[in-house]
Protein backbone atom coordinates (compact mmCIF):
# COMPACT_ATOMS: atom_id res chain seq x y z
CA MET A 1 -3.57 -19.37 21.10
CA ASP A 2 -5.55 -17.34 23.61
CA THR A 3 -7.13 -14.03 22.72
CA PRO A 4 -6.03 -10.99 24.79
CA THR A 5 -8.76 -9.35 26.85
CA LYS A 6 -9.72 -5.71 26.86
CA THR A 7 -7.51 -5.14 29.90
CA SER A 8 -4.44 -6.81 28.40
CA ASP A 9 -1.09 -5.07 28.67
CA THR A 10 1.37 -6.36 26.10
CA SER A 11 3.94 -3.60 26.60
CA GLY A 12 6.58 -6.10 27.65
CA SER A 13 9.09 -5.94 30.47
CA LYS A 14 12.31 -6.03 28.46
CA ALA A 15 14.87 -3.62 29.93
CA LYS A 16 15.55 -0.57 27.81
CA GLY A 17 18.04 2.26 28.06
CA ALA A 18 17.52 5.80 29.30
CA ASP A 19 17.32 7.20 25.76
CA TYR A 20 14.43 4.85 24.93
CA TRP A 21 12.43 5.92 27.98
CA ARG A 22 13.19 9.57 27.28
CA ARG A 23 11.68 9.11 23.83
CA ILE A 24 8.69 7.25 25.31
CA ILE A 25 7.96 10.20 27.63
CA SER A 26 8.28 12.66 24.73
CA GLU A 27 5.98 10.57 22.53
CA LYS A 28 3.32 10.19 25.21
CA HIS A 29 3.42 13.91 25.98
CA PHE A 30 2.96 14.87 22.34
CA PHE A 31 0.15 12.43 21.60
CA SER A 32 -1.69 13.15 24.85
CA GLY A 33 -2.25 16.75 23.78
CA CYS A 34 -5.56 18.19 22.68
CA GLN A 35 -4.46 18.67 19.08
CA ASP A 36 -6.31 16.83 16.33
CA LEU A 37 -3.82 14.06 15.58
CA TYR A 38 -5.12 13.42 12.10
CA ALA A 39 -5.83 16.95 10.87
CA LEU A 40 -3.99 17.86 7.70
CA PRO A 41 -4.19 21.33 6.15
CA PRO A 42 -6.70 21.99 3.36
CA ILE A 43 -3.90 22.13 0.78
CA TYR A 44 -3.20 18.46 1.46
CA GLY A 45 -6.83 17.71 0.64
CA TYR A 46 -6.46 19.61 -2.63
CA TRP A 47 -3.32 17.69 -3.56
CA SER A 48 -4.61 14.26 -2.57
CA ASN A 49 -7.98 14.70 -4.26
CA THR A 50 -6.32 16.00 -7.42
CA TYR A 51 -3.45 13.54 -7.75
CA LEU A 52 -3.64 10.61 -5.31
CA ARG A 53 -7.34 9.88 -5.25
CA PRO A 54 -7.66 9.31 -9.03
CA GLN A 55 -4.92 6.67 -8.80
CA LEU A 56 -6.74 4.90 -5.98
CA GLU A 57 -10.09 5.08 -7.77
CA ILE A 58 -8.60 3.10 -10.65
CA LEU A 59 -8.23 0.34 -8.05
CA GLY A 60 -11.69 0.72 -6.55
CA PHE A 61 -10.87 2.90 -3.52
CA SER A 62 -11.14 6.62 -2.90
CA GLN A 63 -8.94 6.73 0.19
CA PRO A 64 -6.67 4.45 2.28
CA GLU A 65 -9.46 3.64 4.71
CA GLY A 66 -11.48 2.17 1.87
CA MET A 67 -8.57 -0.15 1.09
CA PHE A 68 -8.38 -1.28 4.71
CA ILE A 69 -12.09 -2.04 4.80
CA GLN A 70 -12.13 -3.92 1.50
CA TYR A 71 -9.20 -6.15 2.38
CA PHE A 72 -10.55 -6.87 5.86
CA GLN A 73 -13.86 -7.87 4.30
CA ASP A 74 -12.06 -10.11 1.78
CA ALA A 75 -10.18 -11.77 4.64
CA TYR A 76 -13.46 -12.19 6.51
CA ALA A 77 -15.02 -13.99 3.54
CA ALA A 78 -11.95 -16.20 3.08
CA SER A 79 -11.71 -17.22 6.75
CA SER A 80 -13.23 -20.42 8.12
CA ALA A 81 -13.18 -19.17 11.72
CA SER A 82 -16.50 -18.63 13.47
CA VAL A 83 -15.22 -15.32 14.85
CA LYS A 84 -12.77 -13.38 12.71
CA ARG A 85 -9.96 -11.62 14.55
CA TYR A 86 -8.17 -8.45 13.47
CA VAL A 87 -5.54 -6.28 15.11
CA SER A 88 -4.52 -2.65 14.62
CA LEU A 89 -0.98 -1.73 15.67
CA GLY A 90 -0.50 1.76 17.07
CA SER A 91 -4.21 2.55 16.93
CA GLY A 92 -4.19 5.89 18.77
CA ASN A 93 -7.71 6.86 19.78
CA CYS A 94 -9.19 4.34 17.31
CA GLU A 95 -10.99 6.83 15.04
CA THR A 96 -10.09 4.80 11.94
CA GLU A 97 -10.72 1.44 13.64
CA ILE A 98 -14.17 2.51 14.80
CA ARG A 99 -15.12 3.55 11.27
CA ILE A 100 -13.81 0.22 9.94
CA ALA A 101 -15.95 -1.65 12.49
CA GLN A 102 -19.02 0.41 11.61
CA SER A 103 -18.52 -0.19 7.90
CA MET A 104 -18.15 -3.94 8.38
CA LEU A 105 -21.29 -4.08 10.50
CA ASP A 106 -23.19 -2.02 7.93
CA ARG A 107 -22.27 -4.65 5.33
CA ARG A 108 -23.35 -7.53 7.61
CA PHE A 109 -19.84 -8.67 8.55
CA GLU A 110 -20.77 -9.09 12.20
CA ASP A 111 -18.72 -11.89 13.81
CA PHE A 112 -15.37 -10.18 14.41
CA THR A 113 -13.17 -8.49 16.99
CA LEU A 114 -10.58 -5.80 16.37
CA ASP A 115 -7.77 -5.61 18.94
CA CYS A 116 -6.32 -2.10 19.10
CA VAL A 117 -2.75 -2.05 20.42
CA GLU A 118 -1.63 1.33 21.72
CA LEU A 119 1.03 2.37 24.26
CA ASN A 120 -0.58 5.65 25.35
CA LYS A 121 -3.07 5.01 28.16
CA THR A 122 -4.81 8.35 27.61
CA LEU A 123 -5.55 7.48 23.99
CA LEU A 124 -6.82 4.02 25.00
CA LEU A 125 -9.29 5.54 27.46
CA ASP A 126 -10.46 7.92 24.74
CA ALA A 127 -10.78 4.97 22.33
CA SER A 128 -12.99 3.04 24.78
CA ARG A 129 -15.24 6.05 25.16
CA ARG A 130 -15.47 6.61 21.41
CA ALA A 131 -16.21 2.95 20.71
CA LYS A 132 -19.04 2.92 23.23
CA GLU A 133 -20.53 6.12 21.80
CA ALA A 134 -20.39 4.59 18.31
CA GLY A 135 -22.05 1.37 19.47
CA VAL A 136 -19.11 -0.87 18.49
CA GLU A 137 -17.68 -1.57 21.96
CA ASP A 138 -18.32 -5.31 21.50
CA HIS A 139 -15.99 -5.35 18.50
CA ILE A 140 -13.28 -2.80 19.42
CA ARG A 141 -10.89 -4.15 22.08
CA PRO A 142 -8.30 -1.62 23.33
CA VAL A 143 -5.06 -3.32 24.36
CA ARG A 144 -2.15 -1.49 25.98
CA GLY A 145 1.13 -2.51 24.38
CA ASP A 146 4.53 -1.36 23.17
CA LEU A 147 4.99 -2.47 19.57
CA ASN A 148 8.71 -2.84 20.14
CA ALA A 149 7.96 -5.80 22.40
CA TRP A 150 4.61 -6.89 20.94
CA SER A 151 3.95 -10.63 21.17
CA PRO A 152 0.53 -11.62 19.78
CA GLN A 153 -1.40 -14.26 21.69
CA THR A 154 -3.69 -15.36 18.89
CA GLU A 155 -3.82 -15.75 15.12
CA TYR A 156 -5.34 -12.97 13.06
CA ASP A 157 -7.33 -12.70 9.85
CA GLY A 158 -6.13 -9.16 9.33
CA VAL A 159 -3.45 -6.78 10.61
CA LEU A 160 -3.55 -3.00 10.22
CA ALA A 161 -0.64 -0.59 10.69
CA ASN A 162 -1.95 2.87 9.89
CA ASN A 163 0.93 5.36 10.01
CA SER A 164 2.41 3.61 13.03
CA LEU A 165 5.40 1.72 11.64
CA HIS A 166 7.55 4.84 11.38
CA HIS A 167 7.31 5.14 15.19
CA VAL A 168 8.77 1.67 15.81
CA VAL A 169 12.41 0.99 16.70
CA ASN A 170 12.22 -2.81 16.71
CA LEU A 171 10.67 -3.26 13.27
CA GLU A 172 12.10 -6.77 12.98
CA ASN A 173 10.12 -7.86 16.05
CA VAL A 174 6.89 -6.39 14.70
CA PHE A 175 7.24 -7.90 11.23
CA PHE A 176 8.24 -11.31 12.57
CA ALA A 177 5.24 -11.25 14.94
CA ILE A 178 2.87 -10.32 12.10
CA GLN A 179 4.36 -13.02 9.88
CA GLN A 180 3.80 -15.65 12.58
CA CYS A 181 0.28 -14.62 13.64
CA LEU A 182 -1.21 -13.89 10.20
CA LEU A 183 -3.40 -16.71 8.89
CA PRO A 184 -2.72 -17.96 5.31
CA THR A 185 -6.03 -16.39 4.23
CA GLY A 186 -5.26 -13.20 6.14
CA ILE A 187 -4.02 -9.81 5.02
CA PHE A 188 -1.63 -7.19 6.39
CA VAL A 189 -2.49 -3.65 5.26
CA THR A 190 -0.57 -0.47 5.88
CA SER A 191 -0.37 3.20 5.03
CA ASP A 192 2.97 4.62 6.13
CA MET A 193 6.00 6.81 5.53
CA ILE A 194 9.15 5.20 4.12
CA GLY A 195 11.43 8.16 3.47
CA ARG A 196 14.69 8.99 5.21
CA ASN A 197 14.88 8.54 8.99
CA GLY A 198 13.39 11.46 10.88
CA HIS A 199 11.45 12.39 7.71
CA MET A 200 14.51 14.20 6.40
CA ARG A 201 15.09 14.54 2.66
CA TRP A 202 17.84 12.63 0.94
CA PRO A 203 20.21 15.01 -0.94
CA GLU A 204 18.65 14.41 -4.38
CA ALA A 205 15.17 15.24 -3.07
CA LEU A 206 16.39 18.06 -0.85
CA SER A 207 17.78 19.88 -3.90
CA VAL A 208 14.32 19.80 -5.52
CA VAL A 209 12.66 21.12 -2.35
CA GLN A 210 15.21 23.92 -2.03
CA GLU A 211 14.76 24.84 -5.69
CA PHE A 212 11.07 25.53 -5.12
CA TRP A 213 11.69 26.99 -1.65
CA ARG A 214 13.65 29.85 -3.18
CA GLU A 215 10.51 30.92 -5.06
CA LEU A 216 8.41 31.32 -1.92
CA PRO A 217 7.55 34.68 -0.38
CA GLN A 218 8.19 35.21 3.35
CA ASP A 219 4.66 34.34 4.46
CA LYS A 220 4.98 30.82 3.02
CA LYS A 221 8.10 29.96 5.04
CA TYR A 222 6.58 29.78 8.54
CA ASN A 223 7.04 26.43 10.29
CA HIS A 224 3.77 25.74 12.15
CA LEU A 225 5.10 22.80 14.16
CA LEU A 226 8.31 24.43 15.38
CA ARG A 227 6.73 27.91 15.40
CA ARG A 228 9.54 29.66 13.56
CA HIS A 229 10.33 31.28 10.25
CA GLU A 230 12.78 29.45 7.98
CA GLU A 231 14.43 31.64 5.40
CA GLU A 232 16.32 28.57 4.21
CA TYR A 233 14.52 25.24 4.33
CA GLU A 234 15.97 23.21 7.22
CA ASN A 235 16.32 19.49 6.70
CA TRP A 236 15.07 18.82 10.21
CA ASP A 237 15.36 15.42 11.93
CA CYS A 238 11.95 14.70 13.49
CA SER A 239 13.32 11.70 15.40
CA SER A 240 15.63 13.80 17.59
CA SER A 241 13.34 13.69 20.65
CA GLY A 242 10.63 11.07 20.13
CA PHE A 243 10.06 8.20 17.72
CA GLU A 244 8.79 10.17 14.73
CA GLY A 245 10.36 8.57 11.66
CA ILE A 246 12.89 6.76 13.84
CA ARG A 247 13.52 3.98 11.25
CA ALA A 248 11.40 5.12 8.33
CA GLN A 249 13.99 4.20 5.69
CA ASP A 250 14.13 0.59 6.94
CA ILE A 251 10.41 -0.09 6.66
CA LEU A 252 10.16 -0.98 2.98
CA PRO A 253 13.31 -3.17 2.76
CA LEU A 254 12.07 -5.15 5.77
CA LEU A 255 8.55 -5.48 4.36
CA ILE A 256 10.10 -6.94 1.20
CA ALA A 257 12.10 -9.38 3.33
CA TYR A 258 9.19 -10.57 5.49
CA PHE A 259 6.12 -10.50 3.22
CA GLU A 260 4.66 -11.00 -0.23
CA PHE A 261 2.78 -8.10 -1.79
CA ASP A 262 -0.77 -8.34 -3.09
CA TRP A 263 -1.04 -4.62 -3.77
CA PHE A 264 1.49 -1.78 -3.62
CA VAL A 265 1.13 1.94 -4.32
CA PRO A 266 3.98 4.34 -3.47
CA PHE A 267 3.71 8.12 -3.84
CA ALA A 268 5.12 11.61 -3.13
CA ASN A 269 8.44 12.96 -1.94
CA ALA A 270 9.52 16.54 -2.69
CA VAL A 271 5.95 17.81 -2.50
CA ASP A 272 5.61 16.68 1.14
CA PRO A 273 6.89 19.81 2.96
CA PHE A 274 4.53 22.04 1.01
CA ILE A 275 1.33 20.11 1.77
CA GLU A 276 1.70 18.57 5.23
CA ARG A 277 1.29 20.04 8.71
CA THR A 278 4.57 21.96 8.88
CA PHE A 279 4.28 24.45 6.02
CA GLY A 280 1.02 23.33 4.39
CA PRO A 281 -1.17 25.75 6.39
CA ASN A 282 0.64 28.61 4.60
CA PHE A 283 -1.06 27.72 1.30
CA ASP A 284 -4.60 28.83 0.51
CA ILE A 285 -6.81 26.52 -1.57
CA ASN A 286 -8.78 29.58 -2.67
CA CYS A 287 -5.68 31.23 -4.13
CA PRO A 288 -5.02 30.24 -7.78
CA ALA A 289 -1.35 31.12 -7.47
CA ASP A 290 -0.92 28.77 -4.49
CA LEU A 291 -2.66 25.93 -6.32
CA ALA A 292 -0.55 26.52 -9.43
CA PHE A 293 2.59 26.33 -7.27
CA ILE A 294 1.52 22.99 -5.74
CA ASP A 295 0.66 21.69 -9.22
CA ARG A 296 4.17 22.51 -10.44
CA VAL A 297 5.86 20.93 -7.44
CA HIS A 298 3.79 17.77 -7.85
CA ALA A 299 4.54 17.54 -11.57
CA ARG A 300 8.27 17.75 -10.91
CA ASP A 301 8.03 15.34 -7.98
CA HIS A 302 6.06 12.79 -9.99
CA ALA A 303 8.40 12.94 -12.98
CA GLU A 304 11.50 12.50 -10.80
CA ILE A 305 9.95 9.51 -8.99
CA MET A 306 8.87 7.86 -12.22
CA ARG A 307 12.32 8.06 -13.74
CA GLY A 308 13.92 6.79 -10.54
CA ALA A 309 15.88 9.94 -9.68
CA ILE A 310 14.18 10.22 -6.28
CA LYS A 311 12.24 7.61 -4.36
CA PRO A 312 8.70 7.83 -2.93
CA THR A 313 8.24 8.56 0.76
CA HIS A 314 4.75 7.08 1.28
CA ILE A 315 3.19 3.70 0.61
CA LEU A 316 -0.18 1.99 0.64
CA ALA A 317 0.23 -1.76 0.64
CA ALA A 318 -1.59 -5.04 1.19
CA MET A 319 0.61 -8.01 2.04
CA CYS A 320 0.36 -11.67 2.92
CA ALA A 321 2.42 -14.45 4.50
CA GLY A 322 2.28 -18.15 3.71
CA ARG A 323 1.08 -17.77 0.12
CA PRO A 324 2.29 -16.08 -3.08
CA GLY A 325 1.31 -12.43 -3.41
CA ARG A 326 -0.61 -11.11 -6.40
CA GLY A 327 2.15 -8.59 -6.98
CA PHE A 328 0.00 -5.72 -8.30
CA CYS A 329 1.58 -2.28 -8.69
CA LEU A 330 0.94 0.79 -10.83
CA LYS A 331 3.20 2.00 -13.63
CA GLY A 332 6.16 -0.18 -12.75
CA LEU A 333 6.60 1.22 -9.23
CA THR A 334 7.41 -2.09 -7.55
CA PRO A 335 8.49 -2.37 -3.91
CA GLU A 336 12.06 -3.07 -5.02
CA PHE A 337 12.15 -0.08 -7.36
CA SER A 338 10.85 2.17 -4.58
CA VAL A 339 13.66 1.41 -2.12
CA ARG A 340 16.29 4.12 -1.65
CA SER A 341 19.72 2.77 -0.77
CA PRO A 342 21.10 4.44 2.39
CA VAL A 343 24.66 4.37 1.01
CA ARG A 344 24.35 5.71 -2.53
CA PRO A 345 21.97 8.00 -4.45
CA PRO A 346 19.53 6.38 -6.87
CA LEU A 347 20.34 5.96 -10.55
CA ALA A 348 17.57 7.24 -12.81
CA SER A 349 16.42 4.42 -15.06
CA PHE A 350 13.15 5.64 -16.57
CA ILE A 351 13.16 8.45 -19.12
CA VAL A 352 10.93 11.41 -18.38
CA GLY A 353 8.77 10.78 -21.43
CA ASP A 354 7.80 7.41 -19.99
CA ALA A 355 6.40 8.92 -16.81
CA ASP A 356 2.79 8.17 -17.67
CA ARG A 357 3.23 4.83 -19.40
CA VAL A 358 2.03 1.65 -17.78
CA LEU A 359 5.15 -0.49 -17.70
CA PRO A 360 5.83 -4.03 -16.56
CA SER A 361 7.36 -4.12 -13.11
CA ASP A 362 10.93 -4.81 -14.20
CA ALA A 363 10.91 -3.52 -17.77
CA THR A 364 13.31 -0.68 -17.14
CA MET A 365 14.86 -1.65 -13.84
CA PRO A 366 18.62 -2.12 -13.68
CA GLU A 367 20.02 -5.44 -12.59
CA ARG A 368 19.25 -6.22 -8.95
CA GLN A 369 21.51 -7.97 -6.50
CA LEU A 370 20.16 -10.16 -3.72
CA GLY A 371 22.18 -11.89 -1.06
CA ASP A 372 22.26 -15.67 -1.27
CA GLN A 373 21.46 -16.82 2.28
CA GLU A 374 23.28 -20.11 1.78
CA SER A 375 26.52 -19.03 0.15
CA GLY A 376 26.65 -15.40 1.22
CA VAL A 377 27.46 -14.26 -2.33
CA ALA A 378 25.36 -11.96 -4.48
CA LYS A 379 22.98 -13.28 -7.08
CA VAL A 380 22.24 -11.12 -10.10
CA TRP A 381 18.73 -10.98 -11.51
CA PRO A 382 19.09 -9.84 -15.14
CA ARG A 383 16.63 -7.59 -16.86
CA ARG A 384 13.67 -9.36 -18.33
CA VAL A 385 13.53 -8.78 -22.06
CA GLN A 386 10.54 -9.85 -24.10
CA THR A 387 11.00 -10.99 -27.67
CA GLU A 388 7.50 -12.35 -28.38
CA ASN A 389 4.19 -10.61 -28.85
CA TYR A 390 1.36 -12.74 -27.49
CA SER A 391 -1.58 -10.81 -28.98
CA ASP A 392 -4.06 -13.32 -30.41
CA LEU A 393 -7.04 -15.53 -29.67
CA TRP A 394 -5.99 -18.45 -27.45
CA TRP A 395 -7.93 -21.61 -26.55
CA ASN A 396 -7.77 -25.30 -25.79
CA PRO A 397 -8.96 -27.24 -28.87
CA ALA A 398 -10.07 -30.11 -26.63
CA GLU A 399 -12.39 -27.79 -24.69
CA SER A 400 -14.20 -25.83 -27.34
CA GLY A 401 -16.52 -23.18 -25.93
CA TRP A 402 -14.18 -20.89 -24.07
CA GLY A 403 -11.19 -18.78 -25.01
CA LEU A 404 -8.76 -16.01 -24.16
CA SER A 405 -8.40 -12.83 -26.17
CA ILE A 406 -4.94 -11.46 -25.34
CA HIS A 407 -3.84 -7.95 -26.23
CA HIS A 408 -0.08 -7.47 -25.76
CA HIS A 409 0.93 -3.85 -26.34
CA ALA A 410 4.30 -2.74 -27.63
CA SER A 411 4.90 -1.11 -24.21
CA SER A 412 4.69 -4.65 -22.73
CA ALA A 413 1.33 -3.95 -21.07
CA LEU A 414 -1.02 -6.94 -21.39
CA VAL A 415 -4.80 -7.23 -21.16
CA ALA A 416 -6.66 -10.53 -21.43
CA CYS A 417 -10.40 -11.12 -21.83
CA TRP A 418 -11.45 -14.61 -20.70
CA MET A 419 -14.72 -15.73 -22.28
CA VAL A 420 -16.28 -18.71 -20.50
CA TYR A 421 -19.55 -20.31 -19.38
CA GLY A 422 -20.49 -19.98 -15.71
CA PRO A 423 -21.90 -22.55 -13.26
CA ASP A 424 -25.40 -21.82 -14.60
CA ASP A 425 -24.19 -22.54 -18.18
CA ARG A 426 -24.68 -18.91 -19.09
CA PRO A 427 -21.91 -17.06 -20.93
CA THR A 428 -19.74 -14.73 -18.87
CA TRP A 429 -16.40 -13.02 -19.22
CA PHE A 430 -13.55 -11.90 -17.03
CA LEU A 431 -10.94 -9.20 -17.55
CA MET A 432 -7.35 -9.78 -16.45
CA GLU A 433 -5.73 -6.36 -16.09
CA PRO A 434 -3.63 -4.74 -14.78
CA GLY A 435 -0.66 -6.92 -13.86
CA ARG A 436 3.06 -7.40 -14.24
CA TRP A 437 5.60 -9.62 -15.94
CA LEU A 438 7.29 -12.01 -13.51
CA ASP A 439 9.79 -12.89 -16.22
CA ALA A 440 9.97 -12.59 -20.01
CA ALA A 441 7.28 -15.27 -20.51
CA THR A 442 5.16 -15.16 -17.33
CA PHE A 443 2.48 -12.58 -16.66
CA ARG A 444 0.43 -12.28 -13.44
CA GLY A 445 -2.66 -10.07 -13.27
CA ILE A 446 -5.77 -9.36 -11.25
CA ILE A 447 -9.02 -10.79 -12.62
CA TYR A 448 -12.23 -8.78 -12.57
CA GLU A 449 -15.82 -9.75 -13.32
CA GLY A 450 -17.89 -7.03 -14.93
CA ASN A 451 -21.55 -6.35 -15.47
CA GLY A 452 -23.70 -3.49 -16.65
CA PRO A 453 -26.91 -2.53 -18.48
CA ASP A 454 -28.33 -4.35 -21.50
CA PHE A 455 -26.18 -3.31 -24.48
CA HIS A 456 -29.15 -2.22 -26.66
CA ALA A 457 -30.90 -0.32 -23.84
CA LEU A 458 -30.19 3.24 -22.78
CA PHE A 459 -26.62 3.30 -21.47
CA GLU A 460 -26.27 4.14 -17.78
CA ALA A 461 -22.66 4.53 -16.69
CA ASP A 462 -23.39 4.07 -12.98
CA ARG A 463 -24.64 0.53 -13.66
CA VAL A 464 -21.25 -0.59 -14.96
CA LYS A 465 -19.60 -2.47 -12.11
CA GLN A 466 -16.37 -4.40 -11.69
CA ARG A 467 -15.62 -6.88 -8.94
CA GLU A 468 -12.17 -8.28 -8.19
CA VAL A 469 -12.61 -12.06 -8.14
CA GLY A 470 -9.04 -13.38 -8.11
CA PHE A 471 -5.89 -13.51 -10.16
CA GLY A 472 -4.45 -15.34 -13.13
CA VAL A 473 -1.01 -16.31 -14.40
CA LEU A 474 -0.15 -16.72 -18.08
CA ALA A 475 2.99 -18.82 -18.54
CA PHE A 476 4.08 -19.07 -22.18
CA ASP A 477 6.44 -21.91 -23.11
CA GLY A 478 6.86 -20.69 -26.66
CA ALA A 479 5.38 -18.35 -29.23
CA ALA A 480 2.24 -20.46 -29.67
CA SER A 481 1.59 -22.40 -26.46
CA GLY A 482 1.46 -22.06 -22.71
CA THR A 483 -0.70 -22.47 -19.61
CA PHE A 484 -3.27 -20.29 -17.89
CA SER A 485 -3.53 -20.73 -14.10
CA TYR A 486 -6.25 -18.93 -12.18
CA SER A 487 -7.96 -18.43 -8.84
CA ILE A 488 -11.57 -17.25 -9.09
CA ASP A 489 -13.49 -16.70 -5.85
CA GLY A 490 -11.26 -19.27 -4.17
CA MET A 491 -11.59 -21.87 -6.95
CA GLU A 492 -8.26 -22.69 -8.59
CA GLY A 493 -7.51 -24.27 -11.95
CA LYS A 494 -4.98 -24.58 -14.74
CA LYS A 495 -5.56 -24.80 -18.49
CA THR A 496 -3.31 -25.57 -21.42
CA ILE A 497 -3.66 -22.93 -24.15
CA VAL A 498 -2.49 -22.53 -27.76
CA ARG A 499 -2.96 -19.85 -30.39
CA MET A 500 -6.14 -20.31 -32.40
CA GLU A 501 -5.28 -21.18 -36.00
CA PHE A 502 -7.18 -19.53 -38.87
């Protein structure tokens, strides 16, 4: 397929109704203003650095942008194309995309282009100027286009949707287009909002917000976006004029339908109004009482999400098409568990005391029903119950010299240390953790290679490094035997394993 040029216009000519064009005008007017589109109040920085960032750092990132860069670099290394192609959907003025391009160039990933699809002509002109000033104009390619009618003209190694999906009406078109244009070695990464349409609160979350709202003094109840005081918190529909949150609640169910997940992190709900642009500026990061209030709201929010009583409203995710996903998630918060049904409130299924346990993805999930596309009837996926404990030393007696040390905790968490010899015949080891149970006898996890200082020398913590090298699948066919399948730096293999007898 042909690559679109810098002057391409992919906005489409499909006829749309008056309401659609009214929303287009409203959206363009808002995002053509002089306001800083990405500025969040300082209290958001306090919250994210205190609670979100530590979760991401477990995974090797400090912020969403770091995730985008890492996955784009991984896709670059996996691609056989002479020039790697990426696309950002709803790129605005390309601040994030320019930093991604700079980071890739700094790390000697030089043969790539990044198409930046944006409807607003003013923002595209600003993006071109910014790219030239940053010295990345040969890599950043502004493309005017309406995502509702987007039709890619080439295949891509990576797709980015950074807080743009919740502005899209025709999500099915966008996801189908991504699915078709994404190479098998490619990656689709997103940071977005998946709560109720218009960023409203569902009743179960609204009650939590209102509970804390009643504690607030008058000066904390000023709405900075609508420029009004709200004695009672108003569950305002942001999609009433433009496209803000127009189909937010449909994003995650459709992502599940169209893609496989390599990596998925959902977060936040009831804490949102108190830390984002609307009411967040009312809170002072230098005021201990304000920080204590945010801490309490977060603690309640986190506990309610973990037990399933309310659902997260934000996600960070890396997805693929045309291959199985690695399926990594934290603390049992799978994509399926994070979906809020639009027709009934969620049923809490975790107990509060389990909020900080690392659980297998389906360990405490209720039965799930999926439509059978062929018969039209519902299939029931039962809970996965484990009866075996696989902790032991495992090996293949016919291949003495390597082995697996498996630690299977009572909580169902599993960690495996794989001790092998490398291509240079020198001993090495890999760590498989974290991961999730695909069923009662099949575990999939990410594999890391570690290194650090000489064990008998002075210990230096900053020399301890971990590198994600692939993934592994342990499939047990009984209490004492099974198979270990793996993919390490693109090399795949499968080994028969049994418990080591003593």
